[in-house]
C-alpha cells in the first residue's frame, strides 16, 4: 500500500499556535501558599512560540511557588513555573509555550 505524505504549510502552523494561545484566560499564581487570580495582561505570538504575560502587583511579597493556567470556564490547562521578570511596579510573569505540528510517520492516510 502506498503512503501519503502531508506537510503542513506555515499558515496552518501559525493559525494553530494562535488558536492555542486564545484558549487560556487567567492564571492562579501561588505566592507563599496563597493563590491569587490574575488575568492575562498580554499574549505575544512569535515564530514557534507564544507567551502569556501576567502583571503581579508589589503585594503580596513572597516566593512564587506555582502558576496554573485556566480557561474562561475554569478548566485547568497546566501548571508549573514561569519566567519571572522584576518590573518597576511589581512582577511580570510570562509563560512561554512552543507549539509544533508534524506528520505522524507511522500514520497511513489510507487507513480509516
N, C-alpha and C. Protein backbone atom coordinates (compact mmCIF):
# COMPACT_ATOMS: atom_id res chain seq x y z
N UNK A 1 0.84 -1.17 0.00
CA UNK A 1 0.00 0.00 0.00
C UNK A 1 0.89 1.24 0.00
N UNK A 2 0.58 2.19 -0.85
CA UNK A 2 1.35 3.42 -0.94
C UNK A 2 1.08 4.32 0.26
N UNK A 3 2.08 5.10 0.63
CA UNK A 3 1.93 6.06 1.71
C UNK A 3 1.59 7.42 1.14
N UNK A 4 0.86 8.18 1.90
CA UNK A 4 0.51 9.54 1.53
C UNK A 4 1.20 10.47 2.51
N UNK A 5 2.07 11.32 2.05
CA UNK A 5 2.80 12.26 2.92
C UNK A 5 2.14 13.63 2.87
N UNK A 6 1.96 14.20 4.04
CA UNK A 6 1.35 15.52 4.15
C UNK A 6 2.27 16.43 4.94
N UNK A 7 2.56 17.60 4.41
CA UNK A 7 3.39 18.58 5.12
C UNK A 7 2.56 19.84 5.33
N UNK A 8 2.31 20.21 6.59
CA UNK A 8 1.53 21.43 6.84
C UNK A 8 2.31 22.66 6.41
N UNK A 9 1.60 23.66 5.86
CA UNK A 9 2.28 24.90 5.49
C UNK A 9 2.37 25.82 6.70
N UNK A 10 3.10 26.90 6.56
CA UNK A 10 3.35 27.80 7.69
C UNK A 10 2.08 28.46 8.20
N UNK A 11 1.14 28.76 7.29
CA UNK A 11 -0.12 29.36 7.72
C UNK A 11 -0.85 28.44 8.69
N UNK A 12 -0.90 27.15 8.39
CA UNK A 12 -1.58 26.17 9.24
C UNK A 12 -0.93 26.12 10.62
N UNK A 13 0.38 26.09 10.66
CA UNK A 13 1.11 26.06 11.93
C UNK A 13 0.86 27.35 12.72
N UNK A 14 0.95 28.50 12.06
CA UNK A 14 0.72 29.79 12.73
C UNK A 14 -0.71 29.91 13.24
N UNK A 15 -1.68 29.46 12.45
CA UNK A 15 -3.08 29.52 12.86
C UNK A 15 -3.33 28.60 14.06
N UNK A 16 -2.72 27.43 14.07
CA UNK A 16 -2.83 26.52 15.21
C UNK A 16 -2.26 27.14 16.47
N UNK A 17 -1.12 27.79 16.36
CA UNK A 17 -0.49 28.45 17.51
C UNK A 17 -1.38 29.57 18.03
N UNK A 18 -1.97 30.35 17.12
CA UNK A 18 -2.86 31.45 17.52
C UNK A 18 -4.08 30.90 18.27
N UNK A 19 -4.64 29.81 17.78
CA UNK A 19 -5.81 29.23 18.43
C UNK A 19 -5.46 28.65 19.80
N UNK A 20 -4.30 28.03 19.92
CA UNK A 20 -3.84 27.55 21.22
C UNK A 20 -3.73 28.73 22.20
N UNK A 21 -3.15 29.82 21.75
CA UNK A 21 -2.95 30.99 22.61
C UNK A 21 -4.27 31.58 23.07
N UNK A 22 -5.34 31.45 22.28
CA UNK A 22 -6.64 32.03 22.62
C UNK A 22 -7.40 31.22 23.67
N UNK A 23 -6.99 30.00 23.97
CA UNK A 23 -7.72 29.15 24.90
C UNK A 23 -7.61 29.64 26.34
N UNK A 24 -6.43 30.09 26.73
CA UNK A 24 -6.18 30.50 28.13
C UNK A 24 -6.82 31.84 28.43
N UNK A 25 -7.27 32.00 29.71
CA UNK A 25 -7.93 33.22 30.12
C UNK A 25 -7.29 33.88 31.34
N UNK A 26 -6.86 33.07 32.31
CA UNK A 26 -6.27 33.61 33.53
C UNK A 26 -5.38 32.56 34.19
N UNK A 27 -4.65 32.99 35.20
CA UNK A 27 -3.79 32.09 35.97
C UNK A 27 -4.06 32.27 37.46
N UNK A 28 -3.89 31.19 38.19
CA UNK A 28 -3.84 31.26 39.65
C UNK A 28 -2.35 31.16 39.99
N UNK A 29 -1.82 32.21 40.59
CA UNK A 29 -0.41 32.26 40.94
C UNK A 29 -0.31 32.12 42.46
N UNK A 30 0.40 31.09 42.90
CA UNK A 30 0.53 30.83 44.33
C UNK A 30 1.78 31.53 44.85
N UNK A 31 1.56 32.43 45.80
CA UNK A 31 2.64 33.19 46.43
C UNK A 31 2.61 32.88 47.91
N UNK A 32 3.67 32.27 48.41
CA UNK A 32 3.76 31.86 49.81
C UNK A 32 2.51 31.11 50.29
N UNK A 33 2.08 30.14 49.48
CA UNK A 33 0.98 29.26 49.86
C UNK A 33 -0.41 29.79 49.60
N UNK A 34 -0.55 31.02 49.14
CA UNK A 34 -1.87 31.62 48.88
C UNK A 34 -2.03 31.83 47.38
N UNK A 35 -3.19 31.41 46.84
CA UNK A 35 -3.46 31.55 45.41
C UNK A 35 -4.12 32.87 45.08
N UNK A 36 -3.63 33.55 44.04
CA UNK A 36 -4.18 34.82 43.58
C UNK A 36 -4.49 34.70 42.10
N UNK A 37 -5.67 35.18 41.70
CA UNK A 37 -6.08 35.10 40.30
C UNK A 37 -5.61 36.34 39.54
N UNK A 38 -4.97 36.11 38.39
CA UNK A 38 -4.50 37.20 37.54
C UNK A 38 -4.93 36.94 36.10
N UNK A 39 -5.57 37.92 35.46
CA UNK A 39 -5.91 37.76 34.04
C UNK A 39 -4.66 37.87 33.18
N UNK A 40 -4.76 37.37 31.97
CA UNK A 40 -3.65 37.53 31.02
C UNK A 40 -3.60 39.00 30.63
N UNK A 41 -2.46 39.63 30.85
CA UNK A 41 -2.28 41.05 30.53
C UNK A 41 -2.00 41.24 29.04
N UNK A 42 -1.25 40.28 28.46
CA UNK A 42 -0.87 40.38 27.05
C UNK A 42 -0.42 39.00 26.58
N UNK A 43 -0.69 38.72 25.32
CA UNK A 43 -0.17 37.50 24.69
C UNK A 43 0.62 37.90 23.46
N UNK A 44 1.82 37.39 23.35
CA UNK A 44 2.70 37.66 22.20
C UNK A 44 2.86 36.35 21.42
N UNK A 45 2.59 36.41 20.12
CA UNK A 45 2.81 35.28 19.22
C UNK A 45 4.04 35.55 18.39
N UNK A 46 4.98 34.62 18.40
CA UNK A 46 6.21 34.74 17.61
C UNK A 46 6.43 33.44 16.86
N UNK A 47 7.47 33.41 16.07
CA UNK A 47 7.80 32.21 15.30
C UNK A 47 8.09 31.05 16.24
N UNK A 48 7.23 30.07 16.25
CA UNK A 48 7.48 28.86 17.01
C UNK A 48 6.98 28.86 18.44
N UNK A 49 6.54 30.00 18.98
CA UNK A 49 6.07 30.02 20.37
C UNK A 49 5.08 31.15 20.58
N UNK A 50 4.40 31.10 21.71
CA UNK A 50 3.62 32.24 22.19
C UNK A 50 3.88 32.39 23.67
N UNK A 51 3.64 33.59 24.18
CA UNK A 51 3.92 33.91 25.58
C UNK A 51 2.72 34.64 26.17
N UNK A 52 2.26 34.17 27.33
CA UNK A 52 1.22 34.86 28.09
C UNK A 52 1.91 35.64 29.21
N UNK A 53 1.59 36.92 29.34
CA UNK A 53 2.14 37.77 30.39
C UNK A 53 1.08 38.06 31.45
N UNK A 54 1.52 38.07 32.71
CA UNK A 54 0.66 38.39 33.85
C UNK A 54 1.36 39.47 34.66
N UNK A 55 0.63 40.55 34.96
CA UNK A 55 1.18 41.62 35.79
C UNK A 55 0.78 41.38 37.24
N UNK A 56 1.78 41.19 38.10
CA UNK A 56 1.56 40.92 39.51
C UNK A 56 2.02 42.15 40.30
N UNK A 57 1.12 42.68 41.13
CA UNK A 57 1.43 43.89 41.88
C UNK A 57 2.58 43.66 42.87
N UNK A 58 3.04 44.76 43.49
CA UNK A 58 4.10 44.67 44.50
C UNK A 58 3.69 43.76 45.65
N UNK A 59 2.43 43.84 46.06
CA UNK A 59 1.91 43.00 47.14
C UNK A 59 1.10 41.88 46.53
N UNK A 60 1.13 40.71 47.02
CA UNK A 60 1.85 40.27 48.21
C UNK A 60 3.32 40.01 47.90
N UNK A 61 4.12 40.08 48.94
CA UNK A 61 5.54 39.79 48.83
C UNK A 61 5.75 38.34 49.21
N UNK A 62 6.65 37.65 48.52
CA UNK A 62 6.95 36.27 48.87
C UNK A 62 7.43 35.48 47.67
N UNK A 63 7.60 34.21 47.89
CA UNK A 63 8.07 33.32 46.83
C UNK A 63 6.92 32.86 45.96
N UNK A 64 7.11 32.96 44.64
CA UNK A 64 6.13 32.44 43.71
C UNK A 64 6.39 30.94 43.59
N UNK A 65 5.41 30.14 44.02
CA UNK A 65 5.60 28.71 44.14
C UNK A 65 4.96 27.93 43.00
N UNK A 66 3.92 28.48 42.40
CA UNK A 66 3.18 27.72 41.38
C UNK A 66 2.38 28.68 40.51
N UNK A 67 2.26 28.32 39.25
CA UNK A 67 1.41 29.05 38.31
C UNK A 67 0.56 28.01 37.60
N UNK A 68 -0.76 28.19 37.66
CA UNK A 68 -1.67 27.28 36.96
C UNK A 68 -2.53 28.09 36.00
N UNK A 69 -2.59 27.66 34.75
CA UNK A 69 -3.30 28.36 33.69
C UNK A 69 -4.69 27.75 33.51
N UNK A 70 -5.71 28.62 33.30
CA UNK A 70 -7.10 28.18 33.20
C UNK A 70 -7.81 28.78 31.98
N UNK A 71 -8.86 28.09 31.53
CA UNK A 71 -9.75 28.63 30.51
C UNK A 71 -10.75 29.56 31.19
N UNK A 72 -11.55 30.25 30.40
CA UNK A 72 -12.58 31.14 30.95
C UNK A 72 -13.58 30.37 31.82
N UNK A 73 -13.85 29.11 31.47
CA UNK A 73 -14.81 28.31 32.22
C UNK A 73 -14.20 27.62 33.44
N UNK A 74 -12.90 27.80 33.67
CA UNK A 74 -12.26 27.25 34.86
C UNK A 74 -11.56 25.92 34.66
N UNK A 75 -11.45 25.43 33.43
CA UNK A 75 -10.73 24.18 33.18
C UNK A 75 -9.22 24.44 33.24
N UNK A 76 -8.52 23.59 33.96
CA UNK A 76 -7.07 23.74 34.09
C UNK A 76 -6.39 23.33 32.79
N UNK A 77 -5.42 24.14 32.36
CA UNK A 77 -4.65 23.86 31.14
C UNK A 77 -3.24 23.35 31.45
N UNK A 78 -2.81 23.46 32.67
CA UNK A 78 -1.47 23.02 33.04
C UNK A 78 -0.91 23.90 34.14
N UNK A 79 0.19 23.45 34.71
CA UNK A 79 0.80 24.21 35.79
C UNK A 79 2.30 24.05 35.75
N UNK A 80 2.97 24.91 36.50
CA UNK A 80 4.41 24.84 36.58
C UNK A 80 5.01 26.17 36.95
N UNK A 81 6.23 26.38 36.52
CA UNK A 81 6.98 27.59 36.82
C UNK A 81 7.09 28.42 35.56
N UNK A 82 6.89 29.74 35.67
CA UNK A 82 7.02 30.63 34.53
C UNK A 82 8.34 31.36 34.56
N UNK A 83 8.51 32.25 33.61
CA UNK A 83 9.68 33.12 33.57
C UNK A 83 9.32 34.39 34.31
N UNK A 84 10.15 34.82 35.25
CA UNK A 84 9.82 35.95 36.10
C UNK A 84 10.76 37.12 35.82
N UNK A 85 10.19 38.28 35.58
CA UNK A 85 10.96 39.50 35.35
C UNK A 85 10.48 40.55 36.33
N UNK A 86 11.39 41.19 37.04
CA UNK A 86 11.04 42.23 38.00
C UNK A 86 10.85 43.54 37.26
N UNK A 87 9.67 44.15 37.41
CA UNK A 87 9.40 45.45 36.82
C UNK A 87 9.37 46.53 37.89
N UNK A 88 9.21 47.79 37.49
CA UNK A 88 9.17 48.91 38.43
C UNK A 88 7.94 48.87 39.33
N UNK A 89 6.82 48.38 38.80
CA UNK A 89 5.58 48.40 39.54
C UNK A 89 5.15 47.02 40.02
N UNK A 90 6.05 46.07 40.07
CA UNK A 90 5.71 44.73 40.51
C UNK A 90 6.43 43.70 39.66
N UNK A 91 5.86 42.52 39.63
CA UNK A 91 6.45 41.43 38.85
C UNK A 91 5.70 41.26 37.56
N UNK A 92 6.42 40.89 36.51
CA UNK A 92 5.78 40.48 35.27
C UNK A 92 6.20 39.04 35.05
N UNK A 93 5.22 38.17 35.00
CA UNK A 93 5.47 36.74 34.84
C UNK A 93 5.01 36.35 33.45
N UNK A 94 5.80 35.54 32.77
CA UNK A 94 5.43 35.07 31.44
C UNK A 94 5.52 33.55 31.38
N UNK A 95 4.54 32.96 30.73
CA UNK A 95 4.56 31.53 30.45
C UNK A 95 4.81 31.40 28.95
N UNK A 96 5.90 30.77 28.60
CA UNK A 96 6.29 30.64 27.20
C UNK A 96 6.03 29.20 26.75
N UNK A 97 5.27 29.07 25.65
CA UNK A 97 4.89 27.76 25.15
C UNK A 97 5.25 27.62 23.68
N UNK A 98 5.74 26.45 23.31
CA UNK A 98 6.06 26.14 21.93
C UNK A 98 5.01 25.18 21.38
N UNK A 99 4.55 25.44 20.18
CA UNK A 99 3.59 24.56 19.51
C UNK A 99 4.20 24.10 18.21
N UNK A 100 4.26 22.78 18.03
CA UNK A 100 4.79 22.23 16.79
C UNK A 100 3.74 21.32 16.17
N UNK A 101 3.76 21.22 14.86
CA UNK A 101 2.84 20.38 14.13
C UNK A 101 3.67 19.55 13.16
N UNK A 102 3.50 18.23 13.23
CA UNK A 102 4.26 17.37 12.33
C UNK A 102 3.42 16.16 11.98
N UNK A 103 3.74 15.56 10.87
CA UNK A 103 3.05 14.36 10.43
C UNK A 103 3.50 13.18 11.28
N UNK A 104 2.57 12.33 11.66
CA UNK A 104 2.89 11.10 12.37
C UNK A 104 3.45 10.14 11.34
N UNK A 105 4.72 9.81 11.45
CA UNK A 105 5.39 8.97 10.44
C UNK A 105 4.83 7.57 10.36
N UNK A 106 4.15 7.12 11.42
CA UNK A 106 3.54 5.80 11.41
C UNK A 106 2.11 5.84 10.88
N UNK A 107 1.57 7.03 10.64
CA UNK A 107 0.19 7.18 10.18
C UNK A 107 0.10 6.92 8.69
N UNK A 108 -0.80 6.04 8.30
CA UNK A 108 -1.06 5.78 6.89
C UNK A 108 -2.39 6.43 6.55
N UNK A 109 -2.38 7.44 5.70
CA UNK A 109 -3.58 8.21 5.40
C UNK A 109 -4.65 7.35 4.73
N UNK A 110 -4.29 6.18 4.17
CA UNK A 110 -5.29 5.35 3.51
C UNK A 110 -6.10 4.53 4.51
N UNK A 111 -5.65 4.48 5.77
CA UNK A 111 -6.40 3.77 6.81
C UNK A 111 -7.50 4.67 7.34
N UNK A 112 -8.62 4.06 7.78
CA UNK A 112 -9.79 4.80 8.25
C UNK A 112 -9.47 5.66 9.37
